[in-house]
Amino acid sequence: MKHLYLISGLGADERVFKNLDFGENDLKYIFWVDPRANEEIFSYCKRLSKQISKSEEIILIGVSFGGIVAIELSKIISVKK
């Protein structure tokens, strides 16, 4: 079983993925946190990365801005895809 971390776009939530079939994989959702004043995206993604267990094989899937965040997260933590 793979651990898929799903990241919605801004203004959306986990429901954006409801009609997609990910098989029997373990789905985990990254939830948005409030940004700090003048916070850069790298720092913001570092805070989001606390929602990810680093002890497992990680696959990130993002939609819209969530895709950009997935790319930034892959620079912070080791991911398979």
PDB file of N, CA and C in Angstrom:
ATOM      1  N   MET A   1       0.842  -1.174   0.000  1.00  0.00           N
ATOM      2  CA  MET A   1       0.000   0.000   0.000  1.00  0.00           C
ATOM      3  C   MET A   1       0.890   1.242   0.000  1.00  0.00           C
ATOM      4  N   LYS A   2       0.531   2.188  -0.863  1.00  0.00           N
ATOM      5  CA  LYS A   2       1.276   3.437  -0.950  1.00  0.00           C
ATOM      6  C   LYS A   2       0.572   4.517  -0.141  1.00  0.00           C
ATOM      7  N   HIS A   3       1.346   5.470   0.337  1.00  0.00           N
ATOM      8  CA  HIS A   3       0.809   6.592   1.110  1.00  0.00           C
ATOM      9  C   HIS A   3       0.758   7.814   0.199  1.00  0.00           C
ATOM     10  N   LEU A   4      -0.451   8.208  -0.174  1.00  0.00           N
ATOM     11  CA  LEU A   4      -0.645   9.345  -1.060  1.00  0.00           C
ATOM     12  C   LEU A   4      -1.068  10.555  -0.241  1.00  0.00           C
ATOM     13  N   TYR A   5      -0.337  11.637  -0.387  1.00  0.00           N
ATOM     14  CA  TYR A   5      -0.685  12.891   0.274  1.00  0.00           C
ATOM     15  C   TYR A   5      -1.312  13.798  -0.774  1.00  0.00           C
ATOM     16  N   LEU A   6      -2.558  14.183  -0.537  1.00  0.00           N
ATOM     17  CA  LEU A   6      -3.331  14.953  -1.504  1.00  0.00           C
ATOM     18  C   LEU A   6      -3.441  16.401  -1.046  1.00  0.00           C
ATOM     19  N   ILE A   7      -3.170  17.318  -1.987  1.00  0.00           N
ATOM     20  CA  ILE A   7      -3.168  18.747  -1.673  1.00  0.00           C
ATOM     21  C   ILE A   7      -4.123  19.448  -2.632  1.00  0.00           C
ATOM     22  N   SER A   8      -5.194  19.998  -2.102  1.00  0.00           N
ATOM     23  CA  SER A   8      -6.177  20.704  -2.931  1.00  0.00           C
ATOM     24  C   SER A   8      -5.639  22.073  -3.328  1.00  0.00           C
ATOM     25  N   GLY A   9      -6.376  22.743  -4.190  1.00  0.00           N
ATOM     26  CA  GLY A   9      -6.043  24.123  -4.528  1.00  0.00           C
ATOM     27  C   GLY A   9      -6.554  25.057  -3.442  1.00  0.00           C
ATOM     28  N   LEU A  10      -6.149  26.313  -3.513  1.00  0.00           N
ATOM     29  CA  LEU A  10      -6.640  27.303  -2.551  1.00  0.00           C
ATOM     30  C   LEU A  10      -8.147  27.465  -2.714  1.00  0.00           C
ATOM     31  N   GLY A  11      -8.839  27.621  -1.630  1.00  0.00           N
ATOM     32  CA  GLY A  11     -10.291  27.783  -1.672  1.00  0.00           C
ATOM     33  C   GLY A  11     -11.021  26.471  -1.856  1.00  0.00           C
ATOM     34  N   ALA A  12     -10.290  25.371  -1.853  1.00  0.00           N
ATOM     35  CA  ALA A  12     -10.893  24.042  -1.999  1.00  0.00           C
ATOM     36  C   ALA A  12     -10.460  23.188  -0.813  1.00  0.00           C
ATOM     37  N   ASP A  13     -11.005  21.982  -0.749  1.00  0.00           N
ATOM     38  CA  ASP A  13     -10.609  21.049   0.303  1.00  0.00           C
ATOM     39  C   ASP A  13     -10.568  19.647  -0.279  1.00  0.00           C
ATOM     40  N   GLU A  14     -10.543  18.646   0.584  1.00  0.00           N
ATOM     41  CA  GLU A  14     -10.369  17.260   0.144  1.00  0.00           C
ATOM     42  C   GLU A  14     -11.476  16.767  -0.785  1.00  0.00           C
ATOM     43  N   ARG A  15     -12.606  17.450  -0.832  1.00  0.00           N
ATOM     44  CA  ARG A  15     -13.705  17.026  -1.711  1.00  0.00           C
ATOM     45  C   ARG A  15     -13.337  17.092  -3.186  1.00  0.00           C
ATOM     46  N   VAL A  16     -12.321  17.861  -3.531  1.00  0.00           N
ATOM     47  CA  VAL A  16     -11.899  17.961  -4.923  1.00  0.00           C
ATOM     48  C   VAL A  16     -11.425  16.598  -5.450  1.00  0.00           C
ATOM     49  N   PHE A  17     -11.038  15.697  -4.574  1.00  0.00           N
ATOM     50  CA  PHE A  17     -10.533  14.382  -4.954  1.00  0.00           C
ATOM     51  C   PHE A  17     -11.595  13.282  -4.885  1.00  0.00           C
ATOM     52  N   LYS A  18     -12.820  13.600  -4.486  1.00  0.00           N
ATOM     53  CA  LYS A  18     -13.819  12.579  -4.160  1.00  0.00           C
ATOM     54  C   LYS A  18     -14.199  11.674  -5.327  1.00  0.00           C
ATOM     55  N   ASN A  19     -14.125  12.140  -6.560  1.00  0.00           N
ATOM     56  CA  ASN A  19     -14.519  11.317  -7.701  1.00  0.00           C
ATOM     57  C   ASN A  19     -13.349  10.609  -8.369  1.00  0.00           C
ATOM     58  N   LEU A  20     -12.184  10.685  -7.776  1.00  0.00           N
ATOM     59  CA  LEU A  20     -11.009  10.013  -8.319  1.00  0.00           C
ATOM     60  C   LEU A  20     -10.794   8.687  -7.604  1.00  0.00           C
ATOM     61  N   ASP A  21     -10.390   7.682  -8.365  1.00  0.00           N
ATOM     62  CA  ASP A  21     -10.150   6.354  -7.799  1.00  0.00           C
ATOM     63  C   ASP A  21      -8.650   6.174  -7.582  1.00  0.00           C
ATOM     64  N   PHE A  22      -8.237   6.090  -6.350  1.00  0.00           N
ATOM     65  CA  PHE A  22      -6.834   5.894  -6.007  1.00  0.00           C
ATOM     66  C   PHE A  22      -6.563   4.451  -5.578  1.00  0.00           C
ATOM     67  N   GLY A  23      -7.504   3.565  -5.860  1.00  0.00           N
ATOM     68  CA  GLY A  23      -7.328   2.166  -5.500  1.00  0.00           C
ATOM     69  C   GLY A  23      -7.321   1.964  -3.999  1.00  0.00           C
ATOM     70  N   GLU A  24      -6.543   1.007  -3.571  1.00  0.00           N
ATOM     71  CA  GLU A  24      -6.484   0.643  -2.154  1.00  0.00           C
ATOM     72  C   GLU A  24      -5.381   1.386  -1.399  1.00  0.00           C
ATOM     73  N   ASN A  25      -4.903   2.467  -1.956  1.00  0.00           N
ATOM     74  CA  ASN A  25      -3.820   3.221  -1.321  1.00  0.00           C
ATOM     75  C   ASN A  25      -4.312   3.998  -0.106  1.00  0.00           C
ATOM     76  N   ASP A  26      -3.384   4.314   0.771  1.00  0.00           N
ATOM     77  CA  ASP A  26      -3.674   5.080   1.985  1.00  0.00           C
ATOM     78  C   ASP A  26      -3.685   6.567   1.636  1.00  0.00           C
ATOM     79  N   LEU A  27      -4.866   7.187   1.689  1.00  0.00           N
ATOM     80  CA  LEU A  27      -5.001   8.598   1.340  1.00  0.00           C
ATOM     81  C   LEU A  27      -4.887   9.473   2.579  1.00  0.00           C
ATOM     82  N   LYS A  28      -4.068  10.496   2.462  1.00  0.00           N
ATOM     83  CA  LYS A  28      -3.903  11.459   3.549  1.00  0.00           C
ATOM     84  C   LYS A  28      -4.002  12.846   2.931  1.00  0.00           C
ATOM     85  N   TYR A  29      -4.678  13.732   3.615  1.00  0.00           N
ATOM     86  CA  TYR A  29      -4.900  15.071   3.086  1.00  0.00           C
ATOM     87  C   TYR A  29      -4.035  16.085   3.824  1.00  0.00           C
ATOM     88  N   ILE A  30      -3.463  16.996   3.051  1.00  0.00           N
ATOM     89  CA  ILE A  30      -2.730  18.120   3.624  1.00  0.00           C
ATOM     90  C   ILE A  30      -3.732  19.264   3.749  1.00  0.00           C
ATOM     91  N   PHE A  31      -3.854  19.807   4.938  1.00  0.00           N
ATOM     92  CA  PHE A  31      -4.800  20.890   5.176  1.00  0.00           C
ATOM     93  C   PHE A  31      -4.060  22.219   5.238  1.00  0.00           C
ATOM     94  N   TRP A  32      -4.660  23.220   4.626  1.00  0.00           N
ATOM     95  CA  TRP A  32      -4.065  24.555   4.604  1.00  0.00           C
ATOM     96  C   TRP A  32      -3.991  25.137   6.016  1.00  0.00           C
ATOM     97  N   VAL A  33      -2.933  25.866   6.260  1.00  0.00           N
ATOM     98  CA  VAL A  33      -2.785  26.618   7.506  1.00  0.00           C
ATOM     99  C   VAL A  33      -2.736  28.097   7.130  1.00  0.00           C
ATOM    100  N   ASP A  34      -3.069  28.946   8.061  1.00  0.00           N
ATOM    101  CA  ASP A  34      -3.040  30.382   7.781  1.00  0.00           C
ATOM    102  C   ASP A  34      -1.605  30.844   7.547  1.00  0.00           C
ATOM    103  N   PRO A  35      -1.381  31.581   6.453  1.00  0.00           N
ATOM    104  CA  PRO A  35      -0.030  32.097   6.214  1.00  0.00           C
ATOM    105  C   PRO A  35       0.302  33.224   7.184  1.00  0.00           C
ATOM    106  N   ARG A  36       1.571  33.369   7.446  1.00  0.00           N
ATOM    107  CA  ARG A  36       2.045  34.474   8.280  1.00  0.00           C
ATOM    108  C   ARG A  36       2.280  35.697   7.391  1.00  0.00           C
ATOM    109  N   ALA A  37       2.275  36.857   7.970  1.00  0.00           N
ATOM    110  CA  ALA A  37       2.498  38.088   7.204  1.00  0.00           C
ATOM    111  C   ALA A  37       3.834  38.020   6.465  1.00  0.00           C
ATOM    112  N   ASN A  38       3.805  38.291   5.179  1.00  0.00           N
ATOM    113  CA  ASN A  38       5.001  38.322   4.320  1.00  0.00           C
ATOM    114  C   ASN A  38       5.763  36.997   4.280  1.00  0.00           C
ATOM    115  N   GLU A  39       5.086  35.896   4.544  1.00  0.00           N
ATOM    116  CA  GLU A  39       5.743  34.582   4.549  1.00  0.00           C
ATOM    117  C   GLU A  39       6.013  34.117   3.121  1.00  0.00           C
ATOM    118  N   GLU A  40       7.215  33.662   2.873  1.00  0.00           N
ATOM    119  CA  GLU A  40       7.573  33.117   1.566  1.00  0.00           C
ATOM    120  C   GLU A  40       7.038  31.699   1.442  1.00  0.00           C
ATOM    121  N   ILE A  41       6.844  31.256   0.194  1.00  0.00           N
ATOM    122  CA  ILE A  41       6.227  29.948  -0.040  1.00  0.00           C
ATOM    123  C   ILE A  41       7.067  28.816   0.558  1.00  0.00           C
ATOM    124  N   PHE A  42       8.392  28.929   0.509  1.00  0.00           N
ATOM    125  CA  PHE A  42       9.238  27.875   1.069  1.00  0.00           C
ATOM    126  C   PHE A  42       8.984  27.710   2.561  1.00  0.00           C
ATOM    127  N   SER A  43       8.917  28.815   3.286  1.00  0.00           N
ATOM    128  CA  SER A  43       8.653  28.755   4.733  1.00  0.00           C
ATOM    129  C   SER A  43       7.263  28.203   5.010  1.00  0.00           C
ATOM    130  N   TYR A  44       6.310  28.612   4.196  1.00  0.00           N
ATOM    131  CA  TYR A  44       4.941  28.121   4.357  1.00  0.00           C
ATOM    132  C   TYR A  44       4.897  26.604   4.146  1.00  0.00           C
ATOM    133  N   CYS A  45       5.567  26.132   3.107  1.00  0.00           N
ATOM    134  CA  CYS A  45       5.580  24.694   2.823  1.00  0.00           C
ATOM    135  C   CYS A  45       6.319  23.915   3.904  1.00  0.00           C
ATOM    136  N   LYS A  46       7.321  24.521   4.493  1.00  0.00           N
ATOM    137  CA  LYS A  46       8.007  23.864   5.613  1.00  0.00           C
ATOM    138  C   LYS A  46       7.041  23.607   6.753  1.00  0.00           C
ATOM    139  N   ARG A  47       6.162  24.567   7.003  1.00  0.00           N
ATOM    140  CA  ARG A  47       5.161  24.376   8.057  1.00  0.00           C
ATOM    141  C   ARG A  47       4.149  23.308   7.649  1.00  0.00           C
ATOM    142  N   LEU A  48       3.765  23.287   6.373  1.00  0.00           N
ATOM    143  CA  LEU A  48       2.837  22.253   5.905  1.00  0.00           C
ATOM    144  C   LEU A  48       3.463  20.861   6.004  1.00  0.00           C
ATOM    145  N   SER A  49       4.767  20.775   5.831  1.00  0.00           N
ATOM    146  CA  SER A  49       5.442  19.471   5.836  1.00  0.00           C
ATOM    147  C   SER A  49       5.321  18.752   7.178  1.00  0.00           C
ATOM    148  N   LYS A  50       4.963  19.472   8.229  1.00  0.00           N
ATOM    149  CA  LYS A  50       4.776  18.841   9.542  1.00  0.00           C
ATOM    150  C   LYS A  50       3.599  17.873   9.541  1.00  0.00           C
ATOM    151  N   GLN A  51       2.729  17.968   8.531  1.00  0.00           N
ATOM    152  CA  GLN A  51       1.581  17.069   8.421  1.00  0.00           C
ATOM    153  C   GLN A  51       1.949  15.742   7.750  1.00  0.00           C
ATOM    154  N   ILE A  52       3.202  15.610   7.312  1.00  0.00           N
ATOM    155  CA  ILE A  52       3.637  14.436   6.558  1.00  0.00           C
ATOM    156  C   ILE A  52       4.552  13.581   7.415  1.00  0.00           C
ATOM    157  N   SER A  53       4.246  12.286   7.475  1.00  0.00           N
ATOM    158  CA  SER A  53       5.096  11.342   8.199  1.00  0.00           C
ATOM    159  C   SER A  53       6.327  11.052   7.350  1.00  0.00           C
ATOM    160  N   LYS A  54       7.497  11.351   7.868  1.00  0.00           N
ATOM    161  CA  LYS A  54       8.734  11.153   7.104  1.00  0.00           C
ATOM    162  C   LYS A  54       9.215   9.701   7.136  1.00  0.00           C
ATOM    163  N   SER A  55       8.516   8.842   7.863  1.00  0.00           N
ATOM    164  CA  SER A  55       8.976   7.460   8.022  1.00  0.00           C
ATOM    165  C   SER A  55       8.371   6.515   6.994  1.00  0.00           C
ATOM    166  N   GLU A  56       7.710   7.048   5.988  1.00  0.00           N
ATOM    167  CA  GLU A  56       7.082   6.191   4.984  1.00  0.00           C
ATOM    168  C   GLU A  56       7.397   6.710   3.588  1.00  0.00           C
ATOM    169  N   GLU A  57       7.143   5.851   2.596  1.00  0.00           N
ATOM    170  CA  GLU A  57       7.317   6.256   1.204  1.00  0.00           C
ATOM    171  C   GLU A  57       6.223   7.260   0.849  1.00  0.00           C
ATOM    172  N   ILE A  58       6.614   8.409   0.349  1.00  0.00           N
ATOM    173  CA  ILE A  58       5.675   9.512   0.158  1.00  0.00           C
ATOM    174  C   ILE A  58       5.438   9.784  -1.322  1.00  0.00           C
ATOM    175  N   ILE A  59       4.169   9.892  -1.689  1.00  0.00           N
ATOM    176  CA  ILE A  59       3.762  10.330  -3.019  1.00  0.00           C
ATOM    177  C   ILE A  59       2.861  11.541  -2.823  1.00  0.00           C
ATOM    178  N   LEU A  60       3.215  12.651  -3.470  1.00  0.00           N
ATOM    179  CA  LEU A  60       2.442  13.886  -3.359  1.00  0.00           C
ATOM    180  C   LEU A  60       1.605  14.089  -4.614  1.00  0.00           C
ATOM    181  N   ILE A  61       0.351  14.473  -4.427  1.00  0.00           N
ATOM    182  CA  ILE A  61      -0.539  14.789  -5.543  1.00  0.00           C
ATOM    183  C   ILE A  61      -1.199  16.126  -5.227  1.00  0.00           C
ATOM    184  N   GLY A  62      -1.012  17.099  -6.111  1.00  0.00           N
ATOM    185  CA  GLY A  62      -1.580  18.414  -5.877  1.00  0.00           C
ATOM    186  C   GLY A  62      -2.389  18.909  -7.057  1.00  0.00           C
ATOM    187  N   VAL A  63      -3.412  19.693  -6.772  1.00  0.00           N
ATOM    188  CA  VAL A  63      -4.264  20.297  -7.787  1.00  0.00           C
ATOM    189  C   VAL A  63      -4.077  21.809  -7.721  1.00  0.00           C
ATOM    190  N   SER A  64      -3.851  22.438  -8.866  1.00  0.00           N
ATOM    191  CA  SER A  64      -3.721  23.887  -8.959  1.00  0.00           C
ATOM    192  C   SER A  64      -2.595  24.367  -8.026  1.00  0.00           C
ATOM    193  N   PHE A  65      -2.877  25.290  -7.122  1.00  0.00           N
ATOM    194  CA  PHE A  65      -1.836  25.761  -6.209  1.00  0.00           C
ATOM    195  C   PHE A  65      -1.285  24.607  -5.373  1.00  0.00           C
ATOM    196  N   GLY A  66      -2.091  23.586  -5.130  1.00  0.00           N
ATOM    197  CA  GLY A  66      -1.618  22.401  -4.420  1.00  0.00           C
ATOM    198  C   GLY A  66      -0.495  21.701  -5.174  1.00  0.00           C
ATOM    199  N   GLY A  67      -0.502  21.789  -6.505  1.00  0.00           N
ATOM    200  CA  GLY A  67       0.583  21.229  -7.308  1.00  0.00           C
ATOM    201  C   GLY A  67       1.881  21.990  -7.105  1.00  0.00           C
ATOM    202  N   ILE A  68       1.776  23.303  -7.019  1.00  0.00           N
ATOM    203  CA  ILE A  68       2.960  24.127  -6.744  1.00  0.00           C
ATOM    204  C   ILE A  68       3.510  23.794  -5.362  1.00  0.00           C
ATOM    205  N   VAL A  69       2.618  23.640  -4.404  1.00  0.00           N
ATOM    206  CA  VAL A  69       3.029  23.285  -3.044  1.00  0.00           C
ATOM    207  C   VAL A  69       3.697  21.908  -3.037  1.00  0.00           C
ATOM    208  N   ALA A  70       3.165  20.961  -3.814  1.00  0.00           N
ATOM    209  CA  ALA A  70       3.770  19.624  -3.891  1.00  0.00           C
ATOM    210  C   ALA A  70       5.210  19.713  -4.393  1.00  0.00           C
ATOM    211  N   ILE A  71       5.442  20.554  -5.385  1.00  0.00           N
ATOM    212  CA  ILE A  71       6.803  20.734  -5.902  1.00  0.00           C
ATOM    213  C   ILE A  71       7.710  21.319  -4.819  1.00  0.00           C
ATOM    214  N   GLU A  72       7.230  22.325  -4.114  1.00  0.00           N
ATOM    215  CA  GLU A  72       8.028  22.927  -3.038  1.00  0.00           C
ATOM    216  C   GLU A  72       8.286  21.927  -1.908  1.00  0.00           C
ATOM    217  N   LEU A  73       7.278  21.128  -1.570  1.00  0.00           N
ATOM    218  CA  LEU A  73       7.455  20.115  -0.520  1.00  0.00           C
ATOM    219  C   LEU A  73       8.514  19.094  -0.921  1.00  0.00           C
ATOM    220  N   SER A  74       8.582  18.765  -2.217  1.00  0.00           N
ATOM    221  CA  SER A  74       9.567  17.780  -2.671  1.00  0.00           C
ATOM    222  C   SER A  74      10.998  18.297  -2.528  1.00  0.00           C
ATOM    223  N   LYS A  75      11.164  19.594  -2.356  1.00  0.00           N
ATOM    224  CA  LYS A  75      12.486  20.176  -2.106  1.00  0.00           C
ATOM    225  C   LYS A  75      12.857  20.110  -0.625  1.00  0.00           C
ATOM    226  N   ILE A  76      11.849  19.881   0.217  1.00  0.00           N
ATOM    227  CA  ILE A  76      12.044  19.887   1.669  1.00  0.00           C
ATOM    228  C   ILE A  76      12.171  18.474   2.224  1.00  0.00           C
ATOM    229  N   ILE A  77      11.351  17.561   1.695  1.00  0.00           N
ATOM    230  CA  ILE A  77      11.341  16.179   2.180  1.00  0.00           C
ATOM    231  C   ILE A  77      11.596  15.221   1.023  1.00  0.00           C
ATOM    232  N   SER A  78      12.029  14.032   1.340  1.00  0.00           N
ATOM    233  CA  SER A  78      12.280  13.016   0.328  1.00  0.00           C
ATOM    234  C   SER A  78      10.958  12.375  -0.090  1.00  0.00           C
ATOM    235  N   VAL A  79      10.665  12.419  -1.383  1.00  0.00           N
ATOM    236  CA  VAL A  79       9.423  11.843  -1.898  1.00  0.00           C
ATOM    237  C   VAL A  79       9.733  10.860  -3.014  1.00  0.00           C
ATOM    238  N   LYS A  80       8.821   9.898  -3.215  1.00  0.00           N
ATOM    239  CA  LYS A  80       8.979   8.960  -4.326  1.00  0.00           C
ATOM    240  C   LYS A  80       8.541   9.621  -5.621  1.00  0.00           C
ATOM    241  N   LYS A  81       7.394  10.297  -5.558  1.00  0.00           N
ATOM    242  CA  LYS A  81       6.840  10.991  -6.739  1.00  0.00           C
ATOM    243  C   LYS A  81       6.229  12.286  -6.290  1.00  0.00           C
TER     244      LYS A  81
END
